[in-house]
Amino acid sequence: MPTKTVSADYWKERHARAYRTPRQGVERALRSIIDGLEEYARGHEAANGSKLSEDYILGEYWISAWSDVRGLLNGDIGRFDGGSLDRRLGDIATAGGFTESEQDMGSIKS
């Protein structure tokens, strides 16, 4: 029996559909959490004029929560592409001023 091949565009579109219209449950929760992390980091910068990574109290809590959300990508993620969500999380943390090392550790403490 021949195997059915699926194009890379199919997976990109599947992920995009999940983000545009997430299904109730895991998809909606993941999108909300990721969007919330981004909104919090942007809101902190707008209100305080500094990156979240520069706040040694809130920044530590935020990167810890971010790391926990990243860990959730190892479980059920619905129609999402895990690599795409991981890249988005990395982009959000970088925009918040967190280094790659801090992202890997899930902490700003050395």
N, C-alpha and C. Protein backbone atom coordinates (compact mmCIF):
# COMPACT_ATOMS: atom_id res chain seq x y z
N MET A 1 0.85 -1.17 0.00
CA MET A 1 0.00 0.00 0.00
C MET A 1 0.90 1.24 0.00
N PRO A 2 0.66 2.18 -0.91
CA PRO A 2 1.50 3.38 -0.98
C PRO A 2 1.27 4.28 0.24
N THR A 3 2.35 4.92 0.64
CA THR A 3 2.24 5.87 1.75
C THR A 3 1.86 7.25 1.23
N LYS A 4 1.10 7.91 2.01
CA LYS A 4 0.65 9.26 1.65
C LYS A 4 1.70 10.25 2.15
N THR A 5 2.18 11.11 1.28
CA THR A 5 3.13 12.14 1.68
C THR A 5 2.39 13.46 1.84
N VAL A 6 2.87 14.22 2.78
CA VAL A 6 2.25 15.51 3.08
C VAL A 6 3.31 16.58 2.92
N SER A 7 2.96 17.67 2.28
CA SER A 7 3.93 18.73 2.03
C SER A 7 4.21 19.52 3.31
N ALA A 8 5.34 20.20 3.30
CA ALA A 8 5.71 21.06 4.43
C ALA A 8 4.69 22.18 4.61
N ASP A 9 4.12 22.64 3.50
CA ASP A 9 3.11 23.70 3.58
C ASP A 9 1.89 23.25 4.38
N TYR A 10 1.56 21.97 4.28
CA TYR A 10 0.43 21.45 5.04
C TYR A 10 0.64 21.67 6.53
N TRP A 11 1.84 21.36 7.03
CA TRP A 11 2.13 21.48 8.46
C TRP A 11 2.16 22.95 8.89
N LYS A 12 2.70 23.81 8.03
CA LYS A 12 2.71 25.25 8.35
C LYS A 12 1.28 25.78 8.44
N GLU A 13 0.45 25.39 7.49
CA GLU A 13 -0.93 25.86 7.47
C GLU A 13 -1.71 25.28 8.65
N ARG A 14 -1.44 24.04 9.01
CA ARG A 14 -2.10 23.42 10.15
C ARG A 14 -1.77 24.20 11.43
N HIS A 15 -0.52 24.55 11.60
CA HIS A 15 -0.09 25.34 12.76
C HIS A 15 -0.76 26.72 12.73
N ALA A 16 -0.76 27.35 11.58
CA ALA A 16 -1.37 28.69 11.45
C ALA A 16 -2.86 28.64 11.78
N ARG A 17 -3.55 27.59 11.30
CA ARG A 17 -4.98 27.45 11.62
C ARG A 17 -5.19 27.28 13.12
N ALA A 18 -4.35 26.50 13.73
CA ALA A 18 -4.47 26.28 15.18
C ALA A 18 -4.27 27.59 15.93
N TYR A 19 -3.36 28.43 15.47
CA TYR A 19 -3.12 29.71 16.16
C TYR A 19 -4.25 30.69 15.92
N ARG A 20 -4.76 30.71 14.69
CA ARG A 20 -5.87 31.63 14.37
C ARG A 20 -7.14 31.24 15.10
N THR A 21 -7.45 29.95 15.09
CA THR A 21 -8.69 29.46 15.69
C THR A 21 -8.39 28.21 16.52
N PRO A 22 -7.82 28.42 17.70
CA PRO A 22 -7.46 27.27 18.53
C PRO A 22 -8.70 26.52 19.01
N ARG A 23 -8.55 25.23 19.11
CA ARG A 23 -9.64 24.41 19.66
C ARG A 23 -9.65 24.57 21.17
N GLN A 24 -10.85 24.43 21.73
CA GLN A 24 -10.99 24.51 23.19
C GLN A 24 -10.10 23.45 23.83
N GLY A 25 -9.48 23.81 24.92
CA GLY A 25 -8.60 22.88 25.62
C GLY A 25 -7.16 23.28 25.46
N VAL A 26 -6.32 22.32 25.11
CA VAL A 26 -4.87 22.53 25.05
C VAL A 26 -4.48 23.66 24.10
N GLU A 27 -5.02 23.68 22.90
CA GLU A 27 -4.64 24.71 21.92
C GLU A 27 -4.97 26.11 22.44
N ARG A 28 -6.17 26.29 22.91
CA ARG A 28 -6.57 27.61 23.40
C ARG A 28 -5.74 28.02 24.61
N ALA A 29 -5.49 27.07 25.50
CA ALA A 29 -4.70 27.37 26.70
C ALA A 29 -3.27 27.76 26.33
N LEU A 30 -2.63 27.00 25.46
CA LEU A 30 -1.26 27.32 25.06
C LEU A 30 -1.17 28.68 24.40
N ARG A 31 -2.09 28.96 23.49
CA ARG A 31 -2.07 30.27 22.82
C ARG A 31 -2.26 31.39 23.84
N SER A 32 -3.18 31.21 24.77
CA SER A 32 -3.43 32.24 25.77
C SER A 32 -2.22 32.46 26.67
N ILE A 33 -1.58 31.38 27.08
CA ILE A 33 -0.42 31.50 27.97
C ILE A 33 0.73 32.19 27.24
N ILE A 34 1.00 31.77 26.01
CA ILE A 34 2.11 32.36 25.24
C ILE A 34 1.83 33.82 24.94
N ASP A 35 0.62 34.12 24.51
CA ASP A 35 0.25 35.52 24.26
C ASP A 35 0.34 36.34 25.54
N GLY A 36 -0.05 35.74 26.67
CA GLY A 36 0.01 36.43 27.95
C GLY A 36 1.43 36.75 28.38
N LEU A 37 2.35 35.81 28.16
CA LEU A 37 3.75 36.07 28.48
C LEU A 37 4.28 37.25 27.67
N GLU A 38 3.91 37.26 26.38
CA GLU A 38 4.37 38.35 25.51
C GLU A 38 3.77 39.69 25.95
N GLU A 39 2.48 39.68 26.23
CA GLU A 39 1.81 40.92 26.64
C GLU A 39 2.38 41.45 27.96
N TYR A 40 2.66 40.55 28.89
CA TYR A 40 3.23 40.97 30.17
C TYR A 40 4.60 41.62 29.97
N ALA A 41 5.45 40.99 29.16
CA ALA A 41 6.79 41.54 28.92
C ALA A 41 6.71 42.91 28.24
N ARG A 42 5.83 43.04 27.26
CA ARG A 42 5.68 44.33 26.58
C ARG A 42 5.10 45.39 27.51
N GLY A 43 4.11 44.98 28.31
CA GLY A 43 3.48 45.90 29.25
C GLY A 43 4.46 46.39 30.31
N HIS A 44 5.32 45.49 30.77
CA HIS A 44 6.33 45.88 31.75
C HIS A 44 7.26 46.92 31.16
N GLU A 45 7.71 46.67 29.93
CA GLU A 45 8.63 47.62 29.29
C GLU A 45 7.95 48.97 29.06
N ALA A 46 6.69 48.95 28.63
CA ALA A 46 5.97 50.20 28.39
C ALA A 46 5.78 50.99 29.69
N ALA A 47 5.48 50.29 30.76
CA ALA A 47 5.22 50.96 32.03
C ALA A 47 6.48 51.42 32.74
N ASN A 48 7.57 50.68 32.56
CA ASN A 48 8.78 50.96 33.34
C ASN A 48 9.95 51.48 32.52
N GLY A 49 9.84 51.44 31.21
CA GLY A 49 10.92 51.93 30.37
C GLY A 49 12.16 51.05 30.38
N SER A 50 12.01 49.82 30.81
CA SER A 50 13.15 48.90 30.81
C SER A 50 12.67 47.49 30.50
N LYS A 51 13.59 46.69 30.01
CA LYS A 51 13.28 45.30 29.67
C LYS A 51 12.97 44.53 30.95
N LEU A 52 12.12 43.55 30.82
CA LEU A 52 11.74 42.71 31.95
C LEU A 52 12.95 42.00 32.55
N SER A 53 13.92 41.65 31.72
CA SER A 53 15.12 40.96 32.21
C SER A 53 15.91 41.81 33.19
N GLU A 54 15.71 43.13 33.16
CA GLU A 54 16.44 44.03 34.05
C GLU A 54 15.79 44.12 35.43
N ASP A 55 14.61 43.57 35.58
CA ASP A 55 13.92 43.55 36.87
C ASP A 55 14.29 42.23 37.56
N TYR A 56 15.14 42.31 38.56
CA TYR A 56 15.68 41.10 39.16
C TYR A 56 14.70 40.33 40.02
N ILE A 57 13.52 40.86 40.24
CA ILE A 57 12.48 40.11 40.95
C ILE A 57 11.46 39.58 39.95
N LEU A 58 10.78 40.50 39.27
CA LEU A 58 9.76 40.07 38.31
C LEU A 58 10.36 39.31 37.13
N GLY A 59 11.56 39.72 36.72
CA GLY A 59 12.21 39.03 35.61
C GLY A 59 12.48 37.57 35.92
N GLU A 60 12.87 37.31 37.16
CA GLU A 60 13.13 35.92 37.58
C GLU A 60 11.85 35.09 37.56
N TYR A 61 10.76 35.66 38.07
CA TYR A 61 9.49 34.95 38.04
C TYR A 61 9.02 34.73 36.60
N TRP A 62 9.18 35.74 35.77
CA TRP A 62 8.71 35.65 34.38
C TRP A 62 9.49 34.57 33.63
N ILE A 63 10.81 34.57 33.71
CA ILE A 63 11.60 33.59 32.96
C ILE A 63 11.36 32.18 33.49
N SER A 64 11.06 32.06 34.77
CA SER A 64 10.72 30.76 35.34
C SER A 64 9.40 30.25 34.76
N ALA A 65 8.40 31.13 34.71
CA ALA A 65 7.10 30.76 34.12
C ALA A 65 7.28 30.44 32.64
N TRP A 66 8.08 31.24 31.95
CA TRP A 66 8.37 31.02 30.53
C TRP A 66 8.98 29.64 30.33
N SER A 67 9.92 29.27 31.19
CA SER A 67 10.58 27.97 31.09
C SER A 67 9.58 26.84 31.32
N ASP A 68 8.67 27.03 32.25
CA ASP A 68 7.64 26.02 32.51
C ASP A 68 6.72 25.85 31.31
N VAL A 69 6.34 26.96 30.68
CA VAL A 69 5.50 26.88 29.48
C VAL A 69 6.26 26.16 28.36
N ARG A 70 7.52 26.46 28.23
CA ARG A 70 8.34 25.78 27.22
C ARG A 70 8.34 24.27 27.48
N GLY A 71 8.39 23.87 28.74
CA GLY A 71 8.33 22.45 29.09
C GLY A 71 7.03 21.79 28.68
N LEU A 72 5.93 22.56 28.70
CA LEU A 72 4.64 22.01 28.29
C LEU A 72 4.63 21.57 26.83
N LEU A 73 5.56 22.09 26.04
CA LEU A 73 5.63 21.70 24.62
C LEU A 73 6.04 20.24 24.46
N ASN A 74 6.48 19.61 25.53
CA ASN A 74 6.82 18.19 25.48
C ASN A 74 5.58 17.31 25.60
N GLY A 75 4.43 17.91 25.87
CA GLY A 75 3.18 17.16 26.01
C GLY A 75 2.28 17.38 24.82
N ASP A 76 0.99 17.22 25.05
CA ASP A 76 -0.02 17.40 24.00
C ASP A 76 -0.07 18.87 23.60
N ILE A 77 0.14 19.14 22.33
CA ILE A 77 0.08 20.52 21.84
C ILE A 77 -0.94 20.68 20.72
N GLY A 78 -1.82 19.70 20.58
CA GLY A 78 -2.85 19.78 19.56
C GLY A 78 -2.27 19.84 18.16
N ARG A 79 -2.79 20.76 17.35
CA ARG A 79 -2.35 20.89 15.95
C ARG A 79 -1.13 21.79 15.79
N PHE A 80 -0.64 22.33 16.89
CA PHE A 80 0.51 23.21 16.82
C PHE A 80 1.77 22.46 16.41
N ASP A 81 2.69 23.20 15.84
CA ASP A 81 4.04 22.69 15.56
C ASP A 81 4.91 23.12 16.73
N GLY A 82 5.48 22.15 17.43
CA GLY A 82 6.27 22.44 18.62
C GLY A 82 7.47 23.33 18.34
N GLY A 83 8.14 23.10 17.22
CA GLY A 83 9.29 23.92 16.87
C GLY A 83 8.91 25.38 16.65
N SER A 84 7.76 25.59 16.03
CA SER A 84 7.29 26.96 15.80
C SER A 84 6.95 27.66 17.12
N LEU A 85 6.30 26.94 18.03
CA LEU A 85 5.99 27.53 19.34
C LEU A 85 7.27 27.80 20.12
N ASP A 86 8.23 26.90 20.05
CA ASP A 86 9.49 27.09 20.75
C ASP A 86 10.23 28.32 20.23
N ARG A 87 10.24 28.49 18.91
CA ARG A 87 10.87 29.68 18.30
C ARG A 87 10.15 30.94 18.76
N ARG A 88 8.83 30.91 18.78
CA ARG A 88 8.07 32.09 19.21
C ARG A 88 8.39 32.42 20.66
N LEU A 89 8.44 31.41 21.51
CA LEU A 89 8.80 31.65 22.91
C LEU A 89 10.20 32.26 23.01
N GLY A 90 11.12 31.76 22.21
CA GLY A 90 12.48 32.32 22.21
C GLY A 90 12.49 33.77 21.78
N ASP A 91 11.71 34.08 20.75
CA ASP A 91 11.62 35.46 20.27
C ASP A 91 11.04 36.38 21.35
N ILE A 92 10.04 35.89 22.07
CA ILE A 92 9.41 36.69 23.12
C ILE A 92 10.41 36.96 24.25
N ALA A 93 11.14 35.92 24.66
CA ALA A 93 12.13 36.09 25.73
C ALA A 93 13.25 37.02 25.30
N THR A 94 13.71 36.88 24.07
CA THR A 94 14.77 37.75 23.55
C THR A 94 14.30 39.19 23.53
N ALA A 95 13.07 39.43 23.08
CA ALA A 95 12.51 40.79 23.07
C ALA A 95 12.41 41.35 24.48
N GLY A 96 12.24 40.47 25.47
CA GLY A 96 12.19 40.90 26.86
C GLY A 96 13.56 41.12 27.47
N GLY A 97 14.61 40.92 26.65
CA GLY A 97 15.97 41.17 27.11
C GLY A 97 16.70 39.98 27.68
N PHE A 98 16.11 38.81 27.63
CA PHE A 98 16.74 37.62 28.20
C PHE A 98 17.73 37.02 27.21
N THR A 99 18.91 36.68 27.71
CA THR A 99 19.94 36.09 26.87
C THR A 99 19.60 34.63 26.59
N GLU A 100 20.30 34.07 25.62
CA GLU A 100 20.10 32.65 25.29
C GLU A 100 20.46 31.77 26.49
N SER A 101 21.51 32.16 27.21
CA SER A 101 21.92 31.41 28.39
C SER A 101 20.83 31.45 29.47
N GLU A 102 20.25 32.61 29.69
CA GLU A 102 19.16 32.73 30.67
C GLU A 102 17.95 31.91 30.24
N GLN A 103 17.69 31.88 28.94
CA GLN A 103 16.59 31.09 28.44
C GLN A 103 16.86 29.59 28.66
N ASP A 104 18.09 29.16 28.41
CA ASP A 104 18.45 27.75 28.60
C ASP A 104 18.34 27.34 30.06
N MET A 105 18.74 28.25 30.96
CA MET A 105 18.69 27.96 32.40
C MET A 105 17.30 28.18 32.99
N GLY A 106 16.49 29.01 32.32
CA GLY A 106 15.19 29.37 32.90
C GLY A 106 15.34 30.25 34.12
N SER A 107 16.47 31.01 34.14
CA SER A 107 16.77 31.84 35.30
C SER A 107 17.70 32.98 34.90
N ILE A 108 17.61 34.10 35.63
CA ILE A 108 18.56 35.19 35.40
C ILE A 108 19.64 35.19 36.47
N LYS A 109 19.52 34.27 37.42
CA LYS A 109 20.53 34.15 38.47
C LYS A 109 21.70 33.35 37.93
N SER A 110 22.91 33.78 38.27
CA SER A 110 24.08 33.02 37.81
C SER A 110 24.63 32.14 38.89
